[in-house]
């Protein structure tokens, strides 16, 4: 298997993390340690767990960390929707990141399936 930086899912999750940081920069000041921080941490967790799992050199461990990345991705999606609900972001602003998150989720599931240990 190629290096983790060659994985399309890692590359896409890096783009999503950048988008999450860009969007959260406009949250109200009182959210710096609240929703903005949570959004940033979950966004960073996705590519970080892909990289860490890949670095473990074990399909079983890689699969485990891909599961953690999937969980962080679900958190990120929820936090984007909460930001819209709280009127920090518009539906238009979260549409593209949510679509990218959906694509990443499918890639994570596909990668997990390819690692299935029978």
PDB file of N, CA and C in Angstrom:
ATOM      1  N   UNK A   1       0.851  -1.181   0.000  1.00  0.00           N
ATOM      2  CA  UNK A   1       0.000   0.000   0.000  1.00  0.00           C
ATOM      3  C   UNK A   1       0.896   1.244   0.000  1.00  0.00           C
ATOM      4  N   UNK A   2       0.474   2.253  -0.710  1.00  0.00           N
ATOM      5  CA  UNK A   2       1.215   3.513  -0.786  1.00  0.00           C
ATOM      6  C   UNK A   2       1.212   4.210   0.571  1.00  0.00           C
ATOM      7  N   UNK A   3       1.959   5.295   0.672  1.00  0.00           N
ATOM      8  CA  UNK A   3       1.959   6.088   1.896  1.00  0.00           C
ATOM      9  C   UNK A   3       0.610   6.736   2.130  1.00  0.00           C
ATOM     10  N   UNK A   4       0.347   7.082   3.377  1.00  0.00           N
ATOM     11  CA  UNK A   4      -0.968   7.658   3.710  1.00  0.00           C
ATOM     12  C   UNK A   4      -1.231   8.955   2.953  1.00  0.00           C
ATOM     13  N   UNK A   5      -0.178   9.711   2.626  1.00  0.00           N
ATOM     14  CA  UNK A   5      -0.385  10.968   1.894  1.00  0.00           C
ATOM     15  C   UNK A   5      -0.854  10.737   0.466  1.00  0.00           C
ATOM     16  N   UNK A   6      -0.688   9.514  -0.016  1.00  0.00           N
ATOM     17  CA  UNK A   6      -1.158   9.161  -1.359  1.00  0.00           C
ATOM     18  C   UNK A   6      -2.625   8.733  -1.371  1.00  0.00           C
ATOM     19  N   UNK A   7      -3.189   8.486  -0.197  1.00  0.00           N
ATOM     20  CA  UNK A   7      -4.581   8.045  -0.122  1.00  0.00           C
ATOM     21  C   UNK A   7      -5.532   9.208  -0.424  1.00  0.00           C
ATOM     22  N   UNK A   8      -6.441   8.984  -1.349  1.00  0.00           N
ATOM     23  CA  UNK A   8      -7.418  10.025  -1.712  1.00  0.00           C
ATOM     24  C   UNK A   8      -8.267  10.432  -0.517  1.00  0.00           C
ATOM     25  N   UNK A   9      -8.582   9.485   0.360  1.00  0.00           N
ATOM     26  CA  UNK A   9      -9.400   9.792   1.532  1.00  0.00           C
ATOM     27  C   UNK A   9      -8.641  10.713   2.481  1.00  0.00           C
ATOM     28  N   UNK A  10      -7.351  10.524   2.623  1.00  0.00           N
ATOM     29  CA  UNK A  10      -6.542  11.410   3.476  1.00  0.00           C
ATOM     30  C   UNK A  10      -6.480  12.805   2.858  1.00  0.00           C
ATOM     31  N   UNK A  11      -6.255  12.869   1.545  1.00  0.00           N
ATOM     32  CA  UNK A  11      -6.183  14.164   0.853  1.00  0.00           C
ATOM     33  C   UNK A  11      -7.496  14.928   0.976  1.00  0.00           C
ATOM     34  N   UNK A  12      -8.609  14.228   0.789  1.00  0.00           N
ATOM     35  CA  UNK A  12      -9.927  14.872   0.900  1.00  0.00           C
ATOM     36  C   UNK A  12     -10.186  15.341   2.323  1.00  0.00           C
ATOM     37  N   UNK A  13      -9.778  14.531   3.292  1.00  0.00           N
ATOM     38  CA  UNK A  13     -10.011  14.925   4.687  1.00  0.00           C
ATOM     39  C   UNK A  13      -9.124  16.096   5.089  1.00  0.00           C
ATOM     40  N   UNK A  14      -7.968  16.233   4.472  1.00  0.00           N
ATOM     41  CA  UNK A  14      -7.131  17.416   4.703  1.00  0.00           C
ATOM     42  C   UNK A  14      -7.824  18.669   4.162  1.00  0.00           C
ATOM     43  N   UNK A  15      -8.450  18.551   2.994  1.00  0.00           N
ATOM     44  CA  UNK A  15      -9.201  19.687   2.429  1.00  0.00           C
ATOM     45  C   UNK A  15     -10.369  20.052   3.340  1.00  0.00           C
ATOM     46  N   UNK A  16     -11.057  19.037   3.842  1.00  0.00           N
ATOM     47  CA  UNK A  16     -12.201  19.284   4.721  1.00  0.00           C
ATOM     48  C   UNK A  16     -11.757  19.960   6.017  1.00  0.00           C
ATOM     49  N   UNK A  17     -10.626  19.548   6.555  1.00  0.00           N
ATOM     50  CA  UNK A  17     -10.107  20.183   7.772  1.00  0.00           C
ATOM     51  C   UNK A  17      -9.805  21.660   7.515  1.00  0.00           C
ATOM     52  N   UNK A  18      -9.206  21.953   6.387  1.00  0.00           N
ATOM     53  CA  UNK A  18      -8.931  23.342   6.036  1.00  0.00           C
ATOM     54  C   UNK A  18     -10.197  24.158   5.914  1.00  0.00           C
ATOM     55  N   UNK A  19     -11.214  23.558   5.321  1.00  0.00           N
ATOM     56  CA  UNK A  19     -12.508  24.246   5.173  1.00  0.00           C
ATOM     57  C   UNK A  19     -13.152  24.477   6.539  1.00  0.00           C
ATOM     58  N   UNK A  20     -13.048  23.504   7.421  1.00  0.00           N
ATOM     59  CA  UNK A  20     -13.622  23.654   8.761  1.00  0.00           C
ATOM     60  C   UNK A  20     -12.951  24.805   9.509  1.00  0.00           C
ATOM     61  N   UNK A  21     -11.653  24.907   9.395  1.00  0.00           N
ATOM     62  CA  UNK A  21     -10.939  26.011  10.045  1.00  0.00           C
ATOM     63  C   UNK A  21     -11.341  27.353   9.441  1.00  0.00           C
ATOM     64  N   UNK A  22     -11.459  27.385   8.116  1.00  0.00           N
ATOM     65  CA  UNK A  22     -11.854  28.630   7.447  1.00  0.00           C
ATOM     66  C   UNK A  22     -13.232  29.068   7.907  1.00  0.00           C
ATOM     67  N   UNK A  23     -14.169  28.141   7.965  1.00  0.00           N
ATOM     68  CA  UNK A  23     -15.538  28.473   8.358  1.00  0.00           C
ATOM     69  C   UNK A  23     -15.630  28.861   9.832  1.00  0.00           C
ATOM     70  N   UNK A  24     -14.930  28.152  10.692  1.00  0.00           N
ATOM     71  CA  UNK A  24     -15.035  28.430  12.124  1.00  0.00           C
ATOM     72  C   UNK A  24     -14.350  29.729  12.519  1.00  0.00           C
ATOM     73  N   UNK A  25     -13.513  30.267  11.678  1.00  0.00           N
ATOM     74  CA  UNK A  25     -12.845  31.540  11.967  1.00  0.00           C
ATOM     75  C   UNK A  25     -13.839  32.691  12.077  1.00  0.00           C
ATOM     76  N   UNK A  26     -15.027  32.500  11.528  1.00  0.00           N
ATOM     77  CA  UNK A  26     -16.036  33.566  11.534  1.00  0.00           C
ATOM     78  C   UNK A  26     -17.081  33.395  12.635  1.00  0.00           C
ATOM     79  N   UNK A  27     -16.903  32.391  13.492  1.00  0.00           N
ATOM     80  CA  UNK A  27     -17.843  32.194  14.593  1.00  0.00           C
ATOM     81  C   UNK A  27     -17.703  33.328  15.600  1.00  0.00           C
ATOM     82  N   UNK A  28     -18.733  33.576  16.385  1.00  0.00           N
ATOM     83  CA  UNK A  28     -18.643  34.616  17.421  1.00  0.00           C
ATOM     84  C   UNK A  28     -17.507  34.310  18.408  1.00  0.00           C
ATOM     85  N   UNK A  29     -16.968  35.349  19.007  1.00  0.00           N
ATOM     86  CA  UNK A  29     -15.848  35.200  19.945  1.00  0.00           C
ATOM     87  C   UNK A  29     -16.175  34.251  21.096  1.00  0.00           C
ATOM     88  N   UNK A  30     -17.423  34.258  21.560  1.00  0.00           N
ATOM     89  CA  UNK A  30     -17.768  33.393  22.691  1.00  0.00           C
ATOM     90  C   UNK A  30     -17.744  31.906  22.327  1.00  0.00           C
ATOM     91  N   UNK A  31     -17.604  31.582  21.059  1.00  0.00           N
ATOM     92  CA  UNK A  31     -17.541  30.188  20.617  1.00  0.00           C
ATOM     93  C   UNK A  31     -16.102  29.698  20.394  1.00  0.00           C
ATOM     94  N   UNK A  32     -15.113  30.545  20.667  1.00  0.00           N
ATOM     95  CA  UNK A  32     -13.722  30.162  20.432  1.00  0.00           C
ATOM     96  C   UNK A  32     -13.381  28.854  21.143  1.00  0.00           C
ATOM     97  N   UNK A  33     -13.844  28.708  22.386  1.00  0.00           N
ATOM     98  CA  UNK A  33     -13.553  27.494  23.146  1.00  0.00           C
ATOM     99  C   UNK A  33     -14.736  26.533  23.169  1.00  0.00           C
ATOM    100  N   UNK A  34     -15.736  26.820  22.392  1.00  0.00           N
ATOM    101  CA  UNK A  34     -16.926  25.979  22.328  1.00  0.00           C
ATOM    102  C   UNK A  34     -17.014  25.268  20.994  1.00  0.00           C
ATOM    103  N   UNK A  35     -18.046  25.614  20.241  1.00  0.00           N
ATOM    104  CA  UNK A  35     -18.321  24.921  18.989  1.00  0.00           C
ATOM    105  C   UNK A  35     -17.184  25.063  17.981  1.00  0.00           C
ATOM    106  N   UNK A  36     -16.558  26.213  17.906  1.00  0.00           N
ATOM    107  CA  UNK A  36     -15.455  26.400  16.955  1.00  0.00           C
ATOM    108  C   UNK A  36     -14.319  25.433  17.261  1.00  0.00           C
ATOM    109  N   UNK A  37     -13.974  25.322  18.526  1.00  0.00           N
ATOM    110  CA  UNK A  37     -12.909  24.411  18.938  1.00  0.00           C
ATOM    111  C   UNK A  37     -13.288  22.955  18.660  1.00  0.00           C
ATOM    112  N   UNK A  38     -14.518  22.588  18.966  1.00  0.00           N
ATOM    113  CA  UNK A  38     -14.981  21.217  18.717  1.00  0.00           C
ATOM    114  C   UNK A  38     -14.935  20.892  17.225  1.00  0.00           C
ATOM    115  N   UNK A  39     -15.374  21.823  16.412  1.00  0.00           N
ATOM    116  CA  UNK A  39     -15.370  21.632  14.965  1.00  0.00           C
ATOM    117  C   UNK A  39     -13.948  21.435  14.460  1.00  0.00           C
ATOM    118  N   UNK A  40     -13.044  22.255  14.943  1.00  0.00           N
ATOM    119  CA  UNK A  40     -11.646  22.151  14.516  1.00  0.00           C
ATOM    120  C   UNK A  40     -11.025  20.829  14.947  1.00  0.00           C
ATOM    121  N   UNK A  41     -11.286  20.415  16.185  1.00  0.00           N
ATOM    122  CA  UNK A  41     -10.702  19.165  16.683  1.00  0.00           C
ATOM    123  C   UNK A  41     -11.228  17.958  15.926  1.00  0.00           C
ATOM    124  N   UNK A  42     -12.520  17.932  15.646  1.00  0.00           N
ATOM    125  CA  UNK A  42     -13.052  16.787  14.906  1.00  0.00           C
ATOM    126  C   UNK A  42     -12.520  16.778  13.474  1.00  0.00           C
ATOM    127  N   UNK A  43     -12.369  17.959  12.886  1.00  0.00           N
ATOM    128  CA  UNK A  43     -11.843  18.045  11.521  1.00  0.00           C
ATOM    129  C   UNK A  43     -10.402  17.549  11.446  1.00  0.00           C
ATOM    130  N   UNK A  44      -9.595  17.904  12.432  1.00  0.00           N
ATOM    131  CA  UNK A  44      -8.199  17.478  12.472  1.00  0.00           C
ATOM    132  C   UNK A  44      -8.099  15.979  12.755  1.00  0.00           C
ATOM    133  N   UNK A  45      -9.044  15.464  13.498  1.00  0.00           N
ATOM    134  CA  UNK A  45      -9.020  14.054  13.885  1.00  0.00           C
ATOM    135  C   UNK A  45      -9.167  13.114  12.695  1.00  0.00           C
ATOM    136  N   UNK A  46      -9.900  13.510  11.683  1.00  0.00           N
ATOM    137  CA  UNK A  46     -10.154  12.608  10.548  1.00  0.00           C
ATOM    138  C   UNK A  46      -8.848  12.256   9.822  1.00  0.00           C
ATOM    139  N   UNK A  47      -8.116  13.222   9.251  1.00  0.00           N
ATOM    140  CA  UNK A  47      -6.876  12.829   8.573  1.00  0.00           C
ATOM    141  C   UNK A  47      -5.817  12.301   9.540  1.00  0.00           C
ATOM    142  N   UNK A  48      -5.837  12.779  10.770  1.00  0.00           N
ATOM    143  CA  UNK A  48      -4.849  12.321  11.755  1.00  0.00           C
ATOM    144  C   UNK A  48      -5.012  10.831  12.046  1.00  0.00           C
ATOM    145  N   UNK A  49      -6.252  10.383  12.195  1.00  0.00           N
ATOM    146  CA  UNK A  49      -6.480   8.967  12.468  1.00  0.00           C
ATOM    147  C   UNK A  49      -6.221   8.093  11.259  1.00  0.00           C
ATOM    148  N   UNK A  50      -6.472   8.610  10.075  1.00  0.00           N
ATOM    149  CA  UNK A  50      -6.123   7.868   8.861  1.00  0.00           C
ATOM    150  C   UNK A  50      -4.611   7.665   8.823  1.00  0.00           C
ATOM    151  N   UNK A  51      -3.872   8.731   9.078  1.00  0.00           N
ATOM    152  CA  UNK A  51      -2.407   8.654   9.052  1.00  0.00           C
ATOM    153  C   UNK A  51      -1.882   7.733  10.147  1.00  0.00           C
ATOM    154  N   UNK A  52      -2.410   7.873  11.357  1.00  0.00           N
ATOM    155  CA  UNK A  52      -1.925   7.040  12.455  1.00  0.00           C
ATOM    156  C   UNK A  52      -2.209   5.565  12.193  1.00  0.00           C
ATOM    157  N   UNK A  53      -3.410   5.271  11.751  1.00  0.00           N
ATOM    158  CA  UNK A  53      -3.751   3.874  11.460  1.00  0.00           C
ATOM    159  C   UNK A  53      -2.870   3.285  10.381  1.00  0.00           C
ATOM    160  N   UNK A  54      -2.612   4.070   9.353  1.00  0.00           N
ATOM    161  CA  UNK A  54      -1.749   3.608   8.267  1.00  0.00           C
ATOM    162  C   UNK A  54      -0.343   3.337   8.783  1.00  0.00           C
ATOM    163  N   UNK A  55       0.107   4.177   9.692  1.00  0.00           N
ATOM    164  CA  UNK A  55       1.451   4.039  10.232  1.00  0.00           C
ATOM    165  C   UNK A  55       1.626   2.854  11.154  1.00  0.00           C
ATOM    166  N   UNK A  56       0.546   2.235  11.585  1.00  0.00           N
ATOM    167  CA  UNK A  56       0.628   1.089  12.489  1.00  0.00           C
ATOM    168  C   UNK A  56       1.068  -0.190  11.769  1.00  0.00           C
ATOM    169  N   UNK A  57       1.036  -0.193  10.450  1.00  0.00           N
ATOM    170  CA  UNK A  57       1.482  -1.342   9.648  1.00  0.00           C
ATOM    171  C   UNK A  57       0.757  -2.644   9.981  1.00  0.00           C
ATOM    172  N   UNK A  58      -0.499  -2.518  10.341  1.00  0.00           N
ATOM    173  CA  UNK A  58      -1.330  -3.684  10.621  1.00  0.00           C
ATOM    174  C   UNK A  58      -2.723  -3.400  10.077  1.00  0.00           C
ATOM    175  N   UNK A  59      -3.231  -4.251   9.180  1.00  0.00           N
ATOM    176  CA  UNK A  59      -4.572  -4.013   8.644  1.00  0.00           C
ATOM    177  C   UNK A  59      -5.638  -3.906   9.736  1.00  0.00           C
ATOM    178  N   UNK A  60      -5.504  -4.725  10.774  1.00  0.00           N
ATOM    179  CA  UNK A  60      -6.489  -4.693  11.855  1.00  0.00           C
ATOM    180  C   UNK A  60      -6.462  -3.341  12.574  1.00  0.00           C
ATOM    181  N   UNK A  61      -5.278  -2.847  12.878  1.00  0.00           N
ATOM    182  CA  UNK A  61      -5.172  -1.545  13.546  1.00  0.00           C
ATOM    183  C   UNK A  61      -5.582  -0.410  12.616  1.00  0.00           C
ATOM    184  N   UNK A  62      -5.221  -0.517  11.338  1.00  0.00           N
ATOM    185  CA  UNK A  62      -5.623   0.502  10.370  1.00  0.00           C
ATOM    186  C   UNK A  62      -7.140   0.582  10.337  1.00  0.00           C
ATOM    187  N   UNK A  63      -7.801  -0.556  10.287  1.00  0.00           N
ATOM    188  CA  UNK A  63      -9.258  -0.600  10.277  1.00  0.00           C
ATOM    189  C   UNK A  63      -9.837   0.069  11.530  1.00  0.00           C
ATOM    190  N   UNK A  64      -9.219  -0.189  12.678  1.00  0.00           N
ATOM    191  CA  UNK A  64      -9.661   0.413  13.935  1.00  0.00           C
ATOM    192  C   UNK A  64      -9.592   1.946  13.862  1.00  0.00           C
ATOM    193  N   UNK A  65      -8.479   2.481  13.378  1.00  0.00           N
ATOM    194  CA  UNK A  65      -8.318   3.927  13.298  1.00  0.00           C
ATOM    195  C   UNK A  65      -9.213   4.541  12.218  1.00  0.00           C
ATOM    196  N   UNK A  66      -9.514   3.788  11.173  1.00  0.00           N
ATOM    197  CA  UNK A  66     -10.470   4.279  10.182  1.00  0.00           C
ATOM    198  C   UNK A  66     -11.856   4.410  10.815  1.00  0.00           C
ATOM    199  N   UNK A  67     -12.175   3.522  11.741  1.00  0.00           N
ATOM    200  CA  UNK A  67     -13.430   3.629  12.480  1.00  0.00           C
ATOM    201  C   UNK A  67     -13.470   4.884  13.333  1.00  0.00           C
ATOM    202  N   UNK A  68     -12.362   5.210  13.970  1.00  0.00           N
ATOM    203  CA  UNK A  68     -12.284   6.442  14.756  1.00  0.00           C
ATOM    204  C   UNK A  68     -12.442   7.655  13.836  1.00  0.00           C
ATOM    205  N   UNK A  69     -11.790   7.607  12.672  1.00  0.00           N
ATOM    206  CA  UNK A  69     -11.923   8.704  11.703  1.00  0.00           C
ATOM    207  C   UNK A  69     -13.380   8.873  11.275  1.00  0.00           C
ATOM    208  N   UNK A  70     -14.081   7.772  11.077  1.00  0.00           N
ATOM    209  CA  UNK A  70     -15.502   7.835  10.703  1.00  0.00           C
ATOM    210  C   UNK A  70     -16.326   8.492  11.801  1.00  0.00           C
ATOM    211  N   UNK A  71     -16.017   8.163  13.043  1.00  0.00           N
ATOM    212  CA  UNK A  71     -16.722   8.791  14.158  1.00  0.00           C
ATOM    213  C   UNK A  71     -16.472  10.283  14.222  1.00  0.00           C
ATOM    214  N   UNK A  72     -15.226  10.676  14.022  1.00  0.00           N
ATOM    215  CA  UNK A  72     -14.885  12.101  14.017  1.00  0.00           C
ATOM    216  C   UNK A  72     -15.570  12.819  12.868  1.00  0.00           C
ATOM    217  N   UNK A  73     -15.697  12.135  11.742  1.00  0.00           N
ATOM    218  CA  UNK A  73     -16.379  12.720  10.592  1.00  0.00           C
ATOM    219  C   UNK A  73     -17.853  12.976  10.912  1.00  0.00           C
ATOM    220  N   UNK A  74     -18.488  12.040  11.599  1.00  0.00           N
ATOM    221  CA  UNK A  74     -19.888  12.225  11.999  1.00  0.00           C
ATOM    222  C   UNK A  74     -20.017  13.399  12.973  1.00  0.00           C
ATOM    223  N   UNK A  75     -19.051  13.531  13.876  1.00  0.00           N
ATOM    224  CA  UNK A  75     -19.045  14.689  14.789  1.00  0.00           C
ATOM    225  C   UNK A  75     -18.957  15.989  13.997  1.00  0.00           C
ATOM    226  N   UNK A  76     -18.052  16.020  13.046  1.00  0.00           N
ATOM    227  CA  UNK A  76     -17.845  17.225  12.240  1.00  0.00           C
ATOM    228  C   UNK A  76     -19.121  17.605  11.500  1.00  0.00           C
ATOM    229  N   UNK A  77     -19.782  16.622  10.903  1.00  0.00           N
ATOM    230  CA  UNK A  77     -21.034  16.898  10.195  1.00  0.00           C
ATOM    231  C   UNK A  77     -22.075  17.476  11.151  1.00  0.00           C
ATOM    232  N   UNK A  78     -22.175  16.894  12.328  1.00  0.00           N
ATOM    233  CA  UNK A  78     -23.127  17.374  13.326  1.00  0.00           C
ATOM    234  C   UNK A  78     -22.802  18.800  13.752  1.00  0.00           C
ATOM    235  N   UNK A  79     -21.538  19.085  13.945  1.00  0.00           N
ATOM    236  CA  UNK A  79     -21.122  20.418  14.367  1.00  0.00           C
ATOM    237  C   UNK A  79     -21.380  21.453  13.275  1.00  0.00           C
ATOM    238  N   UNK A  80     -21.216  21.076  12.018  1.00  0.00           N
ATOM    239  CA  UNK A  80     -21.558  21.995  10.934  1.00  0.00           C
ATOM    240  C   UNK A  80     -23.057  22.301  10.945  1.00  0.00           C
ATOM    241  N   UNK A  81     -23.868  21.266  11.149  1.00  0.00           N
ATOM    242  CA  UNK A  81     -25.318  21.475  11.182  1.00  0.00           C
ATOM    243  C   UNK A  81     -25.737  22.299  12.402  1.00  0.00           C
ATOM    244  N   UNK A  82     -25.064  22.100  13.528  1.00  0.00           N
ATOM    245  CA  UNK A  82     -25.338  22.936  14.705  1.00  0.00           C
ATOM    246  C   UNK A  82     -24.968  24.390  14.427  1.00  0.00           C
ATOM    247  N   UNK A  83     -23.848  24.598  13.750  1.00  0.00           N
ATOM    248  CA  UNK A  83     -23.438  25.969  13.420  1.00  0.00           C
ATOM    249  C   UNK A  83     -24.485  26.646  12.539  1.00  0.00           C
ATOM    250  N   UNK A  84     -25.091  25.882  11.649  1.00  0.00           N
ATOM    251  CA  UNK A  84     -26.173  26.447  10.836  1.00  0.00           C
ATOM    252  C   UNK A  84     -27.387  26.723  11.719  1.00  0.00           C
ATOM    253  N   UNK A  85     -27.717  25.786  12.584  1.00  0.00           N
ATOM    254  CA  UNK A  85     -28.870  25.953  13.474  1.00  0.00           C
ATOM    255  C   UNK A  85     -28.714  27.185  14.361  1.00  0.00           C
ATOM    256  N   UNK A  86     -27.491  27.462  14.799  1.00  0.00           N
ATOM    257  CA  UNK A  86     -27.221  28.618  15.651  1.00  0.00           C
ATOM    258  C   UNK A  86     -26.996  29.895  14.845  1.00  0.00           C
ATOM    259  N   UNK A  87     -27.149  29.806  13.523  1.00  0.00           N
ATOM    260  CA  UNK A  87     -27.006  30.936  12.599  1.00  0.00           C
ATOM    261  C   UNK A  87     -25.585  31.488  12.536  1.00  0.00           C
ATOM    262  N   UNK A  88     -24.585  30.612  12.777  1.00  0.00           N
ATOM    263  CA  UNK A  88     -23.184  31.016  12.590  1.00  0.00           C
ATOM    264  C   UNK A  88     -22.768  30.789  11.143  1.00  0.00           C
ATOM    265  N   UNK A  89     -23.422  29.831  10.498  1.00  0.00           N
ATOM    266  CA  UNK A  89     -23.166  29.513   9.097  1.00  0.00           C
ATOM    267  C   UNK A  89     -24.498  29.363   8.386  1.00  0.00           C
ATOM    268  N   UNK A  90     -24.474  29.577   7.084  1.00  0.00           N
ATOM    269  CA  UNK A  90     -25.684  29.415   6.287  1.00  0.00           C
ATOM    270  C   UNK A  90     -25.726  28.011   5.682  1.00  0.00           C
ATOM    271  N   UNK A  91     -26.895  27.654   5.191  1.00  0.00           N
ATOM    272  CA  UNK A  91     -27.050  26.371   4.508  1.00  0.00           C
ATOM    273  C   UNK A  91     -26.096  26.284   3.312  1.00  0.00           C
ATOM    274  N   UNK A  92     -25.930  27.391   2.624  1.00  0.00           N
ATOM    275  CA  UNK A  92     -25.032  27.418   1.473  1.00  0.00           C
ATOM    276  C   UNK A  92     -23.573  27.205   1.890  1.00  0.00           C
ATOM    277  N   UNK A  93     -23.196  27.754   3.034  1.00  0.00           N
ATOM    278  CA  UNK A  93     -21.815  27.614   3.497  1.00  0.00           C
ATOM    279  C   UNK A  93     -21.476  26.184   3.915  1.00  0.00           C
ATOM    280  N   UNK A  94     -22.455  25.456   4.417  1.00  0.00           N
ATOM    281  CA  UNK A  94     -22.149  24.095   4.867  1.00  0.00           C
ATOM    282  C   UNK A  94     -22.427  23.039   3.795  1.00  0.00           C
ATOM    283  N   UNK A  95     -23.065  23.413   2.718  1.00  0.00           N
ATOM    284  CA  UNK A  95     -23.431  22.436   1.681  1.00  0.00           C
ATOM    285  C   UNK A  95     -22.205  21.720   1.108  1.00  0.00           C
ATOM    286  N   UNK A  96     -21.204  22.454   0.708  1.00  0.00           N
ATOM    287  CA  UNK A  96     -20.011  21.839   0.115  1.00  0.00           C
ATOM    288  C   UNK A  96     -19.224  21.003   1.123  1.00  0.00           C
ATOM    289  N   UNK A  97     -18.980  21.509   2.346  1.00  0.00           N
ATOM    290  CA  UNK A  97     -18.288  20.658   3.317  1.00  0.00           C
ATOM    291  C   UNK A  97     -19.071  19.388   3.664  1.00  0.00           C
ATOM    292  N   UNK A  98     -20.390  19.474   3.739  1.00  0.00           N
ATOM    293  CA  UNK A  98     -21.184  18.280   4.034  1.00  0.00           C
ATOM    294  C   UNK A  98     -21.118  17.277   2.884  1.00  0.00           C
ATOM    295  N   UNK A  99     -21.095  17.785   1.662  1.00  0.00           N
ATOM    296  CA  UNK A  99     -20.977  16.896   0.504  1.00  0.00           C
ATOM    297  C   UNK A  99     -19.611  16.207   0.516  1.00  0.00           C
ATOM    298  N   UNK A 100     -18.561  16.968   0.815  1.00  0.00           N
ATOM    299  CA  UNK A 100     -17.218  16.393   0.897  1.00  0.00           C
ATOM    300  C   UNK A 100     -17.152  15.371   2.031  1.00  0.00           C
ATOM    301  N   UNK A 101     -17.782  15.675   3.146  1.00  0.00           N
ATOM    302  CA  UNK A 101     -17.817  14.738   4.272  1.00  0.00           C
ATOM    303  C   UNK A 101     -18.515  13.437   3.869  1.00  0.00           C
ATOM    304  N   UNK A 102     -19.576  13.541   3.108  1.00  0.00           N
ATOM    305  CA  UNK A 102     -20.284  12.351   2.632  1.00  0.00           C
ATOM    306  C   UNK A 102     -19.372  11.500   1.750  1.00  0.00           C
ATOM    307  N   UNK A 103     -18.633  12.151   0.860  1.00  0.00           N
ATOM    308  CA  UNK A 103     -17.703  11.437  -0.013  1.00  0.00           C
ATOM    309  C   UNK A 103     -16.599  10.765   0.807  1.00  0.00           C
ATOM    310  N   UNK A 104     -16.087  11.469   1.796  1.00  0.00           N
ATOM    311  CA  UNK A 104     -15.051  10.913   2.662  1.00  0.00           C
ATOM    312  C   UNK A 104     -15.595   9.703   3.417  1.00  0.00           C
ATOM    313  N   UNK A 105     -16.805   9.812   3.911  1.00  0.00           N
ATOM    314  CA  UNK A 105     -17.428   8.691   4.606  1.00  0.00           C
ATOM    315  C   UNK A 105     -17.509   7.454   3.735  1.00  0.00           C
ATOM    316  N   UNK A 106     -17.883   7.637   2.492  1.00  0.00           N
ATOM    317  CA  UNK A 106     -17.953   6.508   1.561  1.00  0.00           C
ATOM    318  C   UNK A 106     -16.564   5.931   1.305  1.00  0.00           C
ATOM    319  N   UNK A 107     -15.570   6.804   1.176  1.00  0.00           N
ATOM    320  CA  UNK A 107     -14.203   6.324   0.967  1.00  0.00           C
ATOM    321  C   UNK A 107     -13.699   5.552   2.182  1.00  0.00           C
ATOM    322  N   UNK A 108     -14.004   6.051   3.378  1.00  0.00           N
ATOM    323  CA  UNK A 108     -13.588   5.354   4.596  1.00  0.00           C
ATOM    324  C   UNK A 108     -14.219   3.970   4.662  1.00  0.00           C
ATOM    325  N   UNK A 109     -15.509   3.878   4.375  1.00  0.00           N
ATOM    326  CA  UNK A 109     -16.194   2.578   4.392  1.00  0.00           C
ATOM    327  C   UNK A 109     -15.600   1.639   3.353  1.00  0.00           C
ATOM    328  N   UNK A 110     -15.308   2.154   2.172  1.00  0.00           N
ATOM    329  CA  UNK A 110     -14.702   1.325   1.133  1.00  0.00           C
ATOM    330  C   UNK A 110     -13.322   0.824   1.528  1.00  0.00           C
ATOM    331  N   UNK A 111     -12.549   1.697   2.142  1.00  0.00           N
ATOM    332  CA  UNK A 111     -11.218   1.298   2.587  1.00  0.00           C
ATOM    333  C   UNK A 111     -11.326   0.263   3.703  1.00  0.00           C
ATOM    334  N   UNK A 112     -12.263   0.466   4.620  1.00  0.00           N
ATOM    335  CA  UNK A 112     -12.468  -0.516   5.683  1.00  0.00           C
ATOM    336  C   UNK A 112     -12.881  -1.871   5.100  1.00  0.00           C
ATOM    337  N   UNK A 113     -13.732  -1.841   4.099  1.00  0.00           N
ATOM    338  CA  UNK A 113     -14.166  -3.080   3.465  1.00  0.00           C
ATOM    339  C   UNK A 113     -12.993  -3.801   2.803  1.00  0.00           C
ATOM    340  N   UNK A 114     -12.105  -3.029   2.182  1.00  0.00           N
ATOM    341  CA  UNK A 114     -10.940  -3.637   1.529  1.00  0.00           C
ATOM    342  C   UNK A 114      -9.962  -4.235   2.533  1.00  0.00           C
ATOM    343  N   UNK A 115     -10.026  -3.774   3.782  1.00  0.00           N
ATOM    344  CA  UNK A 115      -9.147  -4.291   4.829  1.00  0.00           C
ATOM    345  C   UNK A 115      -9.784  -5.414   5.621  1.00  0.00           C
ATOM    346  N   UNK A 116     -11.009  -5.768   5.299  1.00  0.00           N
ATOM    347  CA  UNK A 116     -11.745  -6.775   6.072  1.00  0.00           C
ATOM    348  C   UNK A 116     -10.901  -7.994   6.325  1.00  0.00           C
ATOM    349  N   UNK A 117     -10.895  -8.357   7.599  1.00  0.00           N
ATOM    350  CA  UNK A 117     -10.124  -9.518   8.021  1.00  0.00           C
ATOM    351  C   UNK A 117     -11.097 -10.651   8.266  1.00  0.00           C
ATOM    352  N   UNK A 118     -10.987 -11.679   7.469  1.00  0.00           N
ATOM    353  CA  UNK A 118     -11.929 -12.812   7.569  1.00  0.00           C
ATOM    354  C   UNK A 118     -11.444 -13.835   8.556  1.00  0.00           C
TER     355      UNK A 118
END
